[in-house]
Amino acid sequence: MCIMLKYIIKRLLSLIPVVLIVGIIVFVVIHLIPGDPAQVMLGQSATDEQVESLRKELGLDQPIIIQFFTWFGDILQGNLGHSVFSNKPVLDLILERIGPTISLTVLATTVSLLIAIPSAIFAVWKRNSFLDPLFMSGTLLGVSIPNFWLALLLILCFGVTFQWFPVAGYQPISAGFWPWLSHLILPAVVLSVQQIGIIARMLRDGMLEVVNQDYIRTAKAKGLVERIVLMKHAFLNAMIPTTTVIGTSIALLLGGAVVTETVFAIPGLGRLIIDSISSRDYPVLQGSVLFVAGVYVLVNLIVDIVYAFLDPRIRYD
């Protein structure tokens, strides 16, 4: 327990240089985007004097190095800045938008795991039949389908033709379970299709590698039923590398499913990032990207901790 605690503290401290490097890259790249926030806010009819006055008010007239240190100094104090347009704290805007993204992430991940894990186990069980190449084709198709195309297809079929589900928008769970779920089913299916293909393929390959080991053949020679061998030995061992894929998928979804949220008009973190790019809202864009980077690092930390529970042989020195 003491070793694990030291490892967690070490990984948390490693967040500092990661945030610094990400902050530098994000700040530089964002400021290279063509367009002036002051000009966007005032419109094309604004005079040069009005634009310059607003730039001075927003601090955009300062050298870029001064802007960076001012921004990063505020971050170290827990202040992500204020939106150029709404003048609201960036952290408040992120917290307002994170609810729909978390809901979509949880539902998409649940659907992915409920389909991917049984499918992979079944494919390994029937590995010498025609079902295995059929499974491989299905996973390849799931990974290859573009999200935006599948989203438009589901909207046309289930939203417009049959009118089973809403085609856009979001309802919080406080408005009722079914209104919340009905608005998320189609986007969750869109996001889960690709994740199903990746997770199922990874789990299948891991299990096939394990079932060819000597101890698996020994277990079968002792008379153990293949179903028990697959679940007790092959599945648990194959879940170790698969956990990394699951963790990365969760981090990716929490980071903002930009295309899916845009197509379905879900006011999540992905839409916030797109809107901030369109309006050249530098503080919101910088804060959102830093938040996404933090999510990735924390999810990777959780995955590493889960490793120790899945495989007691793993030790952190």
C-alpha atoms as a PDB file:
ATOM      1  CA  MET A   1       0.000   0.000   0.000  1.00  0.00           C
ATOM      2  CA  CYS A   2       2.867   2.350   0.829  1.00  0.00           C
ATOM      3  CA  ILE A   3       4.553   1.633  -2.515  1.00  0.00           C
ATOM      4  CA  MET A   4       1.284   2.248  -4.350  1.00  0.00           C
ATOM      5  CA  LEU A   5       0.774   5.557  -2.516  1.00  0.00           C
ATOM      6  CA  LYS A   6       4.291   6.691  -3.433  1.00  0.00           C
ATOM      7  CA  TYR A   7       3.633   5.768  -7.041  1.00  0.00           C
ATOM      8  CA  ILE A   8       0.377   7.752  -7.113  1.00  0.00           C
ATOM      9  CA  ILE A   9       2.073  10.803  -5.599  1.00  0.00           C
ATOM     10  CA  LYS A  10       4.907  10.505  -8.113  1.00  0.00           C
ATOM     11  CA  ARG A  11       2.481  10.342 -11.007  1.00  0.00           C
ATOM     12  CA  LEU A  12       0.506  13.318  -9.695  1.00  0.00           C
ATOM     13  CA  LEU A  13       3.717  15.358  -9.470  1.00  0.00           C
ATOM     14  CA  SER A  14       4.476  14.388 -13.057  1.00  0.00           C
ATOM     15  CA  LEU A  15       1.348  16.344 -14.025  1.00  0.00           C
ATOM     16  CA  ILE A  16       3.234  19.606 -13.523  1.00  0.00           C
ATOM     17  CA  PRO A  17       5.729  19.305 -16.436  1.00  0.00           C
ATOM     18  CA  VAL A  18       3.008  17.750 -18.615  1.00  0.00           C
ATOM     19  CA  VAL A  19       0.682  20.699 -18.025  1.00  0.00           C
ATOM     20  CA  LEU A  20       3.557  23.116 -18.660  1.00  0.00           C
ATOM     21  CA  ILE A  21       4.504  21.510 -21.987  1.00  0.00           C
ATOM     22  CA  VAL A  22       0.892  21.214 -23.100  1.00  0.00           C
ATOM     23  CA  GLY A  23       0.264  24.807 -22.059  1.00  0.00           C
ATOM     24  CA  ILE A  24       3.158  26.096 -24.148  1.00  0.00           C
ATOM     25  CA  ILE A  25       2.095  24.104 -27.221  1.00  0.00           C
ATOM     26  CA  VAL A  26      -1.566  25.050 -26.884  1.00  0.00           C
ATOM     27  CA  PHE A  27      -0.831  28.721 -26.334  1.00  0.00           C
ATOM     28  CA  VAL A  28       1.516  29.005 -29.322  1.00  0.00           C
ATOM     29  CA  VAL A  29      -0.677  27.006 -31.718  1.00  0.00           C
ATOM     30  CA  ILE A  30      -3.857  28.829 -30.758  1.00  0.00           C
ATOM     31  CA  HIS A  31      -2.258  32.237 -31.240  1.00  0.00           C
ATOM     32  CA  LEU A  32      -1.181  31.182 -34.722  1.00  0.00           C
ATOM     33  CA  ILE A  33      -4.834  30.786 -35.737  1.00  0.00           C
ATOM     34  CA  PRO A  34      -5.715  33.557 -38.225  1.00  0.00           C
ATOM     35  CA  GLY A  35      -8.159  36.127 -36.950  1.00  0.00           C
ATOM     36  CA  ASP A  36      -8.342  38.806 -34.287  1.00  0.00           C
ATOM     37  CA  PRO A  37     -10.753  38.244 -31.344  1.00  0.00           C
ATOM     38  CA  ALA A  38     -11.302  41.992 -31.028  1.00  0.00           C
ATOM     39  CA  GLN A  39     -12.191  42.278 -34.715  1.00  0.00           C
ATOM     40  CA  VAL A  40     -14.533  39.268 -34.440  1.00  0.00           C
ATOM     41  CA  MET A  41     -16.297  40.762 -31.422  1.00  0.00           C
ATOM     42  CA  LEU A  42     -16.764  44.222 -32.932  1.00  0.00           C
ATOM     43  CA  GLY A  43     -17.544  43.109 -36.470  1.00  0.00           C
ATOM     44  CA  GLN A  44     -16.216  44.255 -39.800  1.00  0.00           C
ATOM     45  CA  SER A  45     -17.769  47.714 -39.448  1.00  0.00           C
ATOM     46  CA  ALA A  46     -15.585  48.635 -36.436  1.00  0.00           C
ATOM     47  CA  THR A  47     -12.894  51.245 -36.858  1.00  0.00           C
ATOM     48  CA  ASP A  48      -9.215  50.594 -36.264  1.00  0.00           C
ATOM     49  CA  GLU A  49      -9.330  52.748 -33.127  1.00  0.00           C
ATOM     50  CA  GLN A  50     -12.181  50.692 -31.654  1.00  0.00           C
ATOM     51  CA  VAL A  51     -10.395  47.433 -32.417  1.00  0.00           C
ATOM     52  CA  GLU A  52      -7.135  48.664 -30.907  1.00  0.00           C
ATOM     53  CA  SER A  53      -8.937  49.916 -27.802  1.00  0.00           C
ATOM     54  CA  LEU A  54     -10.572  46.534 -27.261  1.00  0.00           C
ATOM     55  CA  ARG A  55      -7.287  44.708 -27.879  1.00  0.00           C
ATOM     56  CA  LYS A  56      -5.685  46.826 -25.156  1.00  0.00           C
ATOM     57  CA  GLU A  57      -8.589  46.134 -22.805  1.00  0.00           C
ATOM     58  CA  LEU A  58      -8.245  42.374 -23.381  1.00  0.00           C
ATOM     59  CA  GLY A  59      -4.465  42.446 -23.053  1.00  0.00           C
ATOM     60  CA  LEU A  60      -3.950  41.311 -26.625  1.00  0.00           C
ATOM     61  CA  ASP A  61      -1.616  44.230 -27.342  1.00  0.00           C
ATOM     62  CA  GLN A  62       1.020  42.767 -25.022  1.00  0.00           C
ATOM     63  CA  PRO A  63       3.925  40.715 -26.420  1.00  0.00           C
ATOM     64  CA  ILE A  64       3.002  37.054 -26.750  1.00  0.00           C
ATOM     65  CA  ILE A  65       5.555  35.999 -24.132  1.00  0.00           C
ATOM     66  CA  ILE A  66       3.979  38.382 -21.597  1.00  0.00           C
ATOM     67  CA  GLN A  67       0.516  37.054 -22.450  1.00  0.00           C
ATOM     68  CA  PHE A  68       1.735  33.487 -21.901  1.00  0.00           C
ATOM     69  CA  PHE A  69       3.292  34.071 -18.496  1.00  0.00           C
ATOM     70  CA  THR A  70       0.259  36.064 -17.373  1.00  0.00           C
ATOM     71  CA  TRP A  71      -2.058  33.264 -18.475  1.00  0.00           C
ATOM     72  CA  PHE A  72       0.065  30.453 -17.035  1.00  0.00           C
ATOM     73  CA  GLY A  73       0.542  32.329 -13.758  1.00  0.00           C
ATOM     74  CA  ASP A  74      -3.232  32.526 -13.400  1.00  0.00           C
ATOM     75  CA  ILE A  75      -3.504  28.778 -14.106  1.00  0.00           C
ATOM     76  CA  LEU A  76      -1.094  27.967 -11.264  1.00  0.00           C
ATOM     77  CA  GLN A  77      -3.489  29.865  -9.008  1.00  0.00           C
ATOM     78  CA  GLY A  78      -6.442  27.815 -10.278  1.00  0.00           C
ATOM     79  CA  ASN A  79      -7.748  30.559 -12.559  1.00  0.00           C
ATOM     80  CA  LEU A  80      -8.299  29.538 -16.183  1.00  0.00           C
ATOM     81  CA  GLY A  81      -9.235  33.075 -17.120  1.00  0.00           C
ATOM     82  CA  HIS A  82     -12.448  34.627 -18.410  1.00  0.00           C
ATOM     83  CA  SER A  83     -14.208  34.212 -21.717  1.00  0.00           C
ATOM     84  CA  VAL A  84     -13.600  37.062 -24.130  1.00  0.00           C
ATOM     85  CA  PHE A  85     -17.235  37.049 -25.258  1.00  0.00           C
ATOM     86  CA  SER A  86     -19.357  36.101 -22.242  1.00  0.00           C
ATOM     87  CA  ASN A  87     -16.882  37.377 -19.604  1.00  0.00           C
ATOM     88  CA  LYS A  88     -17.686  34.253 -17.573  1.00  0.00           C
ATOM     89  CA  PRO A  89     -14.931  32.269 -15.836  1.00  0.00           C
ATOM     90  CA  VAL A  90     -13.598  29.589 -18.178  1.00  0.00           C
ATOM     91  CA  LEU A  91     -13.846  26.948 -15.451  1.00  0.00           C
ATOM     92  CA  ASP A  92     -17.544  27.714 -15.013  1.00  0.00           C
ATOM     93  CA  LEU A  93     -18.126  27.326 -18.760  1.00  0.00           C
ATOM     94  CA  ILE A  94     -16.322  23.953 -18.740  1.00  0.00           C
ATOM     95  CA  LEU A  95     -18.337  22.744 -15.749  1.00  0.00           C
ATOM     96  CA  GLU A  96     -21.558  23.829 -17.479  1.00  0.00           C
ATOM     97  CA  ARG A  97     -20.692  21.786 -20.571  1.00  0.00           C
ATOM     98  CA  ILE A  98     -19.116  18.741 -18.911  1.00  0.00           C
ATOM     99  CA  GLY A  99     -22.482  17.288 -17.823  1.00  0.00           C
ATOM    100  CA  PRO A 100     -23.696  16.308 -21.330  1.00  0.00           C
ATOM    101  CA  THR A 101     -20.223  15.026 -22.228  1.00  0.00           C
ATOM    102  CA  ILE A 102     -20.025  12.837 -19.106  1.00  0.00           C
ATOM    103  CA  SER A 103     -23.521  11.475 -19.769  1.00  0.00           C
ATOM    104  CA  LEU A 104     -22.607  10.670 -23.367  1.00  0.00           C
ATOM    105  CA  THR A 105     -19.300   9.110 -22.290  1.00  0.00           C
ATOM    106  CA  VAL A 106     -20.891   6.877 -19.656  1.00  0.00           C
ATOM    107  CA  LEU A 107     -23.636   5.667 -21.998  1.00  0.00           C
ATOM    108  CA  ALA A 108     -21.295   5.097 -24.972  1.00  0.00           C
ATOM    109  CA  THR A 109     -18.750   3.250 -22.811  1.00  0.00           C
ATOM    110  CA  THR A 110     -21.462   1.075 -21.271  1.00  0.00           C
ATOM    111  CA  VAL A 111     -22.825   0.126 -24.689  1.00  0.00           C
ATOM    112  CA  SER A 112     -19.307  -0.579 -25.966  1.00  0.00           C
ATOM    113  CA  LEU A 113     -18.393  -2.895 -23.089  1.00  0.00           C
ATOM    114  CA  LEU A 114     -21.731  -4.723 -23.071  1.00  0.00           C
ATOM    115  CA  ILE A 115     -21.303  -5.615 -26.739  1.00  0.00           C
ATOM    116  CA  ALA A 116     -17.514  -5.830 -27.184  1.00  0.00           C
ATOM    117  CA  ILE A 117     -16.649  -8.149 -24.265  1.00  0.00           C
ATOM    118  CA  PRO A 118     -19.260 -10.888 -24.932  1.00  0.00           C
ATOM    119  CA  SER A 119     -18.557 -10.682 -28.669  1.00  0.00           C
ATOM    120  CA  ALA A 120     -14.817 -11.167 -28.189  1.00  0.00           C
ATOM    121  CA  ILE A 121     -15.303 -14.093 -25.786  1.00  0.00           C
ATOM    122  CA  PHE A 122     -17.769 -15.740 -28.166  1.00  0.00           C
ATOM    123  CA  ALA A 123     -15.392 -15.257 -31.106  1.00  0.00           C
ATOM    124  CA  VAL A 124     -12.570 -16.951 -29.192  1.00  0.00           C
ATOM    125  CA  TRP A 125     -14.881 -19.769 -28.133  1.00  0.00           C
ATOM    126  CA  LYS A 126     -15.884 -20.329 -31.779  1.00  0.00           C
ATOM    127  CA  ARG A 127     -12.430 -19.486 -33.166  1.00  0.00           C
ATOM    128  CA  ASN A 128     -12.325 -22.492 -35.480  1.00  0.00           C
ATOM    129  CA  SER A 129     -15.679 -21.789 -37.094  1.00  0.00           C
ATOM    130  CA  PHE A 130     -16.924 -19.367 -39.742  1.00  0.00           C
ATOM    131  CA  LEU A 131     -17.952 -16.961 -36.950  1.00  0.00           C
ATOM    132  CA  ASP A 132     -14.365 -15.863 -36.325  1.00  0.00           C
ATOM    133  CA  PRO A 133     -13.738 -14.293 -39.774  1.00  0.00           C
ATOM    134  CA  LEU A 134     -17.244 -12.852 -39.579  1.00  0.00           C
ATOM    135  CA  PHE A 135     -16.305 -11.256 -36.261  1.00  0.00           C
ATOM    136  CA  MET A 136     -13.086  -9.879 -37.748  1.00  0.00           C
ATOM    137  CA  SER A 137     -14.999  -8.326 -40.629  1.00  0.00           C
ATOM    138  CA  GLY A 138     -17.479  -6.765 -38.228  1.00  0.00           C
ATOM    139  CA  THR A 139     -14.791  -5.176 -36.063  1.00  0.00           C
ATOM    140  CA  LEU A 140     -12.982  -3.841 -39.127  1.00  0.00           C
ATOM    141  CA  LEU A 141     -16.222  -2.345 -40.409  1.00  0.00           C
ATOM    142  CA  GLY A 142     -16.927  -0.745 -37.033  1.00  0.00           C
ATOM    143  CA  VAL A 143     -13.517   0.903 -36.898  1.00  0.00           C
ATOM    144  CA  SER A 144     -13.711   2.073 -40.517  1.00  0.00           C
ATOM    145  CA  ILE A 145     -17.135   3.749 -40.514  1.00  0.00           C
ATOM    146  CA  PRO A 146     -16.777   7.567 -40.235  1.00  0.00           C
ATOM    147  CA  ASN A 147     -18.629   8.974 -37.233  1.00  0.00           C
ATOM    148  CA  PHE A 148     -20.265  11.825 -39.106  1.00  0.00           C
ATOM    149  CA  TRP A 149     -21.590   9.517 -41.840  1.00  0.00           C
ATOM    150  CA  LEU A 150     -23.027   7.044 -39.336  1.00  0.00           C
ATOM    151  CA  ALA A 151     -24.553   9.908 -37.352  1.00  0.00           C
ATOM    152  CA  LEU A 152     -26.329  11.305 -40.415  1.00  0.00           C
ATOM    153  CA  LEU A 153     -27.509   7.819 -41.383  1.00  0.00           C
ATOM    154  CA  LEU A 154     -28.993   7.163 -37.920  1.00  0.00           C
ATOM    155  CA  ILE A 155     -30.648  10.581 -37.883  1.00  0.00           C
ATOM    156  CA  LEU A 156     -32.233   9.928 -41.278  1.00  0.00           C
ATOM    157  CA  CYS A 157     -33.395   6.436 -40.331  1.00  0.00           C
ATOM    158  CA  PHE A 158     -34.428   6.602 -36.661  1.00  0.00           C
ATOM    159  CA  GLY A 159     -34.989  10.323 -36.258  1.00  0.00           C
ATOM    160  CA  VAL A 160     -36.624  11.411 -39.516  1.00  0.00           C
ATOM    161  CA  THR A 161     -38.143   8.275 -41.071  1.00  0.00           C
ATOM    162  CA  PHE A 162     -39.336   6.377 -37.975  1.00  0.00           C
ATOM    163  CA  GLN A 163     -39.189   9.344 -35.563  1.00  0.00           C
ATOM    164  CA  TRP A 164     -38.213   7.115 -32.649  1.00  0.00           C
ATOM    165  CA  PHE A 165     -35.588   9.424 -31.166  1.00  0.00           C
ATOM    166  CA  PRO A 166     -34.850  13.173 -31.170  1.00  0.00           C
ATOM    167  CA  VAL A 167     -32.339  14.186 -33.805  1.00  0.00           C
ATOM    168  CA  ALA A 168     -30.687  16.996 -31.846  1.00  0.00           C
ATOM    169  CA  GLY A 169     -30.385  18.645 -28.459  1.00  0.00           C
ATOM    170  CA  TYR A 170     -29.916  17.431 -24.908  1.00  0.00           C
ATOM    171  CA  GLN A 171     -32.058  17.048 -21.821  1.00  0.00           C
ATOM    172  CA  PRO A 172     -30.506  16.721 -18.332  1.00  0.00           C
ATOM    173  CA  ILE A 173     -31.442  13.667 -16.315  1.00  0.00           C
ATOM    174  CA  SER A 174     -33.300  15.954 -13.912  1.00  0.00           C
ATOM    175  CA  ALA A 175     -35.876  16.455 -16.682  1.00  0.00           C
ATOM    176  CA  GLY A 176     -36.662  12.731 -16.599  1.00  0.00           C
ATOM    177  CA  PHE A 177     -34.820   9.522 -17.365  1.00  0.00           C
ATOM    178  CA  TRP A 178     -36.403   8.845 -20.754  1.00  0.00           C
ATOM    179  CA  PRO A 179     -35.981  12.407 -22.149  1.00  0.00           C
ATOM    180  CA  TRP A 180     -32.321  12.223 -21.053  1.00  0.00           C
ATOM    181  CA  LEU A 181     -31.793   8.762 -22.524  1.00  0.00           C
ATOM    182  CA  SER A 182     -33.698   9.354 -25.757  1.00  0.00           C
ATOM    183  CA  HIS A 183     -31.508  12.334 -26.665  1.00  0.00           C
ATOM    184  CA  LEU A 184     -28.321  10.326 -26.062  1.00  0.00           C
ATOM    185  CA  ILE A 185     -29.123   6.956 -27.649  1.00  0.00           C
ATOM    186  CA  LEU A 186     -28.212   7.877 -31.228  1.00  0.00           C
ATOM    187  CA  PRO A 187     -24.979   9.776 -30.411  1.00  0.00           C
ATOM    188  CA  ALA A 188     -23.972   7.039 -27.945  1.00  0.00           C
ATOM    189  CA  VAL A 189     -24.436   4.400 -30.649  1.00  0.00           C
ATOM    190  CA  VAL A 190     -22.336   6.472 -33.059  1.00  0.00           C
ATOM    191  CA  LEU A 191     -19.487   6.761 -30.552  1.00  0.00           C
ATOM    192  CA  SER A 192     -19.710   3.157 -29.359  1.00  0.00           C
ATOM    193  CA  VAL A 193     -19.485   1.536 -32.816  1.00  0.00           C
ATOM    194  CA  GLN A 194     -15.834   2.423 -33.262  1.00  0.00           C
ATOM    195  CA  GLN A 195     -15.009   1.637 -29.642  1.00  0.00           C
ATOM    196  CA  ILE A 196     -16.689  -1.763 -29.931  1.00  0.00           C
ATOM    197  CA  GLY A 197     -14.480  -2.647 -32.871  1.00  0.00           C
ATOM    198  CA  ILE A 198     -11.273  -1.570 -31.121  1.00  0.00           C
ATOM    199  CA  ILE A 199     -12.018  -3.142 -27.718  1.00  0.00           C
ATOM    200  CA  ALA A 200     -13.397  -6.398 -29.121  1.00  0.00           C
ATOM    201  CA  ARG A 201     -10.454  -6.826 -31.497  1.00  0.00           C
ATOM    202  CA  MET A 202      -7.939  -6.120 -28.736  1.00  0.00           C
ATOM    203  CA  LEU A 203      -9.618  -8.496 -26.285  1.00  0.00           C
ATOM    204  CA  ARG A 204      -9.942 -11.262 -28.879  1.00  0.00           C
ATOM    205  CA  ASP A 205      -6.283 -11.037 -29.871  1.00  0.00           C
ATOM    206  CA  GLY A 206      -5.228 -11.070 -26.227  1.00  0.00           C
ATOM    207  CA  MET A 207      -7.351 -14.116 -25.439  1.00  0.00           C
ATOM    208  CA  LEU A 208      -6.099 -15.995 -28.505  1.00  0.00           C
ATOM    209  CA  GLU A 209      -2.542 -15.359 -27.375  1.00  0.00           C
ATOM    210  CA  VAL A 210      -3.317 -16.713 -23.908  1.00  0.00           C
ATOM    211  CA  VAL A 211      -5.223 -19.841 -24.995  1.00  0.00           C
ATOM    212  CA  ASN A 212      -2.095 -21.092 -26.760  1.00  0.00           C
ATOM    213  CA  GLN A 213      -0.024 -20.989 -23.566  1.00  0.00           C
ATOM    214  CA  ASP A 214       1.119 -24.186 -21.857  1.00  0.00           C
ATOM    215  CA  TYR A 215      -0.844 -23.604 -18.650  1.00  0.00           C
ATOM    216  CA  ILE A 216      -4.078 -23.351 -20.635  1.00  0.00           C
ATOM    217  CA  ARG A 217      -3.407 -26.697 -22.289  1.00  0.00           C
ATOM    218  CA  THR A 218      -2.586 -28.128 -18.855  1.00  0.00           C
ATOM    219  CA  ALA A 219      -5.888 -26.860 -17.472  1.00  0.00           C
ATOM    220  CA  LYS A 220      -7.769 -28.473 -20.344  1.00  0.00           C
ATOM    221  CA  ALA A 221      -5.823 -31.735 -19.850  1.00  0.00           C
ATOM    222  CA  LYS A 222      -7.001 -31.790 -16.240  1.00  0.00           C
ATOM    223  CA  GLY A 223     -10.579 -31.862 -17.459  1.00  0.00           C
ATOM    224  CA  LEU A 224     -11.623 -28.245 -16.958  1.00  0.00           C
ATOM    225  CA  VAL A 225     -14.490 -27.126 -19.165  1.00  0.00           C
ATOM    226  CA  GLU A 226     -13.359 -24.764 -21.941  1.00  0.00           C
ATOM    227  CA  ARG A 227     -15.871 -22.139 -20.858  1.00  0.00           C
ATOM    228  CA  ILE A 228     -14.286 -22.004 -17.382  1.00  0.00           C
ATOM    229  CA  VAL A 229     -10.768 -21.926 -18.849  1.00  0.00           C
ATOM    230  CA  LEU A 230     -11.681 -19.014 -21.116  1.00  0.00           C
ATOM    231  CA  MET A 231     -13.335 -16.959 -18.385  1.00  0.00           C
ATOM    232  CA  LYS A 232     -11.032 -17.725 -15.465  1.00  0.00           C
ATOM    233  CA  HIS A 233      -7.668 -17.682 -17.222  1.00  0.00           C
ATOM    234  CA  ALA A 234      -7.765 -16.309 -20.755  1.00  0.00           C
ATOM    235  CA  PHE A 235     -10.238 -13.472 -20.173  1.00  0.00           C
ATOM    236  CA  LEU A 236      -8.626 -12.041 -17.034  1.00  0.00           C
ATOM    237  CA  ASN A 237      -5.139 -12.097 -18.544  1.00  0.00           C
ATOM    238  CA  ALA A 238      -6.319 -10.534 -21.801  1.00  0.00           C
ATOM    239  CA  MET A 239      -8.099  -7.738 -19.915  1.00  0.00           C
ATOM    240  CA  ILE A 240      -4.768  -6.261 -18.795  1.00  0.00           C
ATOM    241  CA  PRO A 241      -3.758  -4.785 -22.194  1.00  0.00           C
ATOM    242  CA  THR A 242      -7.410  -4.212 -23.076  1.00  0.00           C
ATOM    243  CA  THR A 243      -7.778  -1.957 -20.027  1.00  0.00           C
ATOM    244  CA  THR A 244      -5.420   0.512 -21.672  1.00  0.00           C
ATOM    245  CA  VAL A 245      -7.664   0.699 -24.740  1.00  0.00           C
ATOM    246  CA  ILE A 246     -10.762   1.175 -22.576  1.00  0.00           C
ATOM    247  CA  GLY A 247      -9.081   3.920 -20.565  1.00  0.00           C
ATOM    248  CA  THR A 248      -7.933   5.728 -23.695  1.00  0.00           C
ATOM    249  CA  SER A 249     -11.445   5.512 -25.131  1.00  0.00           C
ATOM    250  CA  ILE A 250     -12.956   7.018 -21.995  1.00  0.00           C
ATOM    251  CA  ALA A 251     -10.399   9.830 -21.986  1.00  0.00           C
ATOM    252  CA  LEU A 252     -11.072  10.508 -25.660  1.00  0.00           C
ATOM    253  CA  LEU A 253     -14.816  10.745 -25.093  1.00  0.00           C
ATOM    254  CA  LEU A 254     -14.445  12.924 -22.001  1.00  0.00           C
ATOM    255  CA  GLY A 255     -12.108  15.134 -23.969  1.00  0.00           C
ATOM    256  CA  GLY A 256     -15.018  15.952 -26.183  1.00  0.00           C
ATOM    257  CA  ALA A 257     -16.581  14.003 -29.020  1.00  0.00           C
ATOM    258  CA  VAL A 258     -16.353  17.057 -31.243  1.00  0.00           C
ATOM    259  CA  VAL A 259     -17.898  15.722 -34.447  1.00  0.00           C
ATOM    260  CA  THR A 260     -20.712  13.792 -32.764  1.00  0.00           C
ATOM    261  CA  GLU A 261     -21.667  16.628 -30.422  1.00  0.00           C
ATOM    262  CA  THR A 262     -21.696  19.027 -33.353  1.00  0.00           C
ATOM    263  CA  VAL A 263     -23.889  16.824 -35.565  1.00  0.00           C
ATOM    264  CA  PHE A 264     -26.403  16.167 -32.763  1.00  0.00           C
ATOM    265  CA  ALA A 265     -26.201  19.734 -31.369  1.00  0.00           C
ATOM    266  CA  ILE A 266     -25.266  18.489 -27.902  1.00  0.00           C
ATOM    267  CA  PRO A 267     -23.980  21.365 -25.731  1.00  0.00           C
ATOM    268  CA  GLY A 268     -20.977  19.442 -24.436  1.00  0.00           C
ATOM    269  CA  LEU A 269     -17.278  20.089 -24.136  1.00  0.00           C
ATOM    270  CA  GLY A 270     -16.699  19.281 -27.801  1.00  0.00           C
ATOM    271  CA  ARG A 271     -19.152  21.966 -28.892  1.00  0.00           C
ATOM    272  CA  LEU A 272     -17.527  24.411 -26.487  1.00  0.00           C
ATOM    273  CA  ILE A 273     -14.157  23.843 -28.150  1.00  0.00           C
ATOM    274  CA  ILE A 274     -15.618  24.274 -31.649  1.00  0.00           C
ATOM    275  CA  ASP A 275     -17.469  27.458 -30.650  1.00  0.00           C
ATOM    276  CA  SER A 276     -14.359  28.925 -29.027  1.00  0.00           C
ATOM    277  CA  ILE A 277     -12.340  28.251 -32.191  1.00  0.00           C
ATOM    278  CA  SER A 278     -14.969  29.940 -34.357  1.00  0.00           C
ATOM    279  CA  SER A 279     -15.113  33.007 -32.131  1.00  0.00           C
ATOM    280  CA  ARG A 280     -11.339  33.141 -31.441  1.00  0.00           C
ATOM    281  CA  ASP A 281     -12.078  32.940 -27.706  1.00  0.00           C
ATOM    282  CA  TYR A 282      -8.498  32.190 -26.656  1.00  0.00           C
ATOM    283  CA  PRO A 283      -9.029  31.744 -22.885  1.00  0.00           C
ATOM    284  CA  VAL A 284     -11.874  29.252 -23.348  1.00  0.00           C
ATOM    285  CA  LEU A 285     -10.017  27.263 -25.986  1.00  0.00           C
ATOM    286  CA  GLN A 286      -6.794  27.166 -23.960  1.00  0.00           C
ATOM    287  CA  GLY A 287      -8.597  26.190 -20.767  1.00  0.00           C
ATOM    288  CA  SER A 288     -10.629  23.482 -22.518  1.00  0.00           C
ATOM    289  CA  VAL A 289      -7.588  21.876 -24.117  1.00  0.00           C
ATOM    290  CA  LEU A 290      -5.702  21.931 -20.805  1.00  0.00           C
ATOM    291  CA  PHE A 291      -8.697  20.296 -19.149  1.00  0.00           C
ATOM    292  CA  VAL A 292      -8.676  17.555 -21.795  1.00  0.00           C
ATOM    293  CA  ALA A 293      -4.941  16.997 -21.249  1.00  0.00           C
ATOM    294  CA  GLY A 294      -5.534  16.677 -17.515  1.00  0.00           C
ATOM    295  CA  VAL A 295      -8.274  14.121 -18.131  1.00  0.00           C
ATOM    296  CA  TYR A 296      -5.923  12.015 -20.248  1.00  0.00           C
ATOM    297  CA  VAL A 297      -3.234  11.992 -17.573  1.00  0.00           C
ATOM    298  CA  LEU A 298      -5.657  11.160 -14.756  1.00  0.00           C
ATOM    299  CA  VAL A 299      -7.282   8.357 -16.741  1.00  0.00           C
ATOM    300  CA  ASN A 300      -3.855   6.872 -17.473  1.00  0.00           C
ATOM    301  CA  LEU A 301      -3.078   7.012 -13.753  1.00  0.00           C
ATOM    302  CA  ILE A 302      -6.314   5.183 -12.942  1.00  0.00           C
ATOM    303  CA  VAL A 303      -5.528   2.553 -15.586  1.00  0.00           C
ATOM    304  CA  ASP A 304      -2.112   1.940 -14.032  1.00  0.00           C
ATOM    305  CA  ILE A 305      -3.722   1.470 -10.628  1.00  0.00           C
ATOM    306  CA  VAL A 306      -6.281  -0.936 -12.077  1.00  0.00           C
ATOM    307  CA  TYR A 307      -3.395  -2.989 -13.490  1.00  0.00           C
ATOM    308  CA  ALA A 308      -2.279  -3.865  -9.976  1.00  0.00           C
ATOM    309  CA  PHE A 309      -5.702  -5.280  -9.150  1.00  0.00           C
ATOM    310  CA  LEU A 310      -5.971  -7.243 -12.385  1.00  0.00           C
ATOM    311  CA  ASP A 311      -2.472  -8.688 -12.084  1.00  0.00           C
ATOM    312  CA  PRO A 312      -0.996  -9.017  -8.541  1.00  0.00           C
ATOM    313  CA  ARG A 313       2.419  -9.675 -10.114  1.00  0.00           C
ATOM    314  CA  ILE A 314       2.669  -6.015 -11.082  1.00  0.00           C
ATOM    315  CA  ARG A 315       4.620  -3.979  -8.557  1.00  0.00           C
ATOM    316  CA  TYR A 316       5.415  -0.284  -8.535  1.00  0.00           C
ATOM    317  CA  ASP A 317       8.907   0.505  -7.271  1.00  0.00           C
END
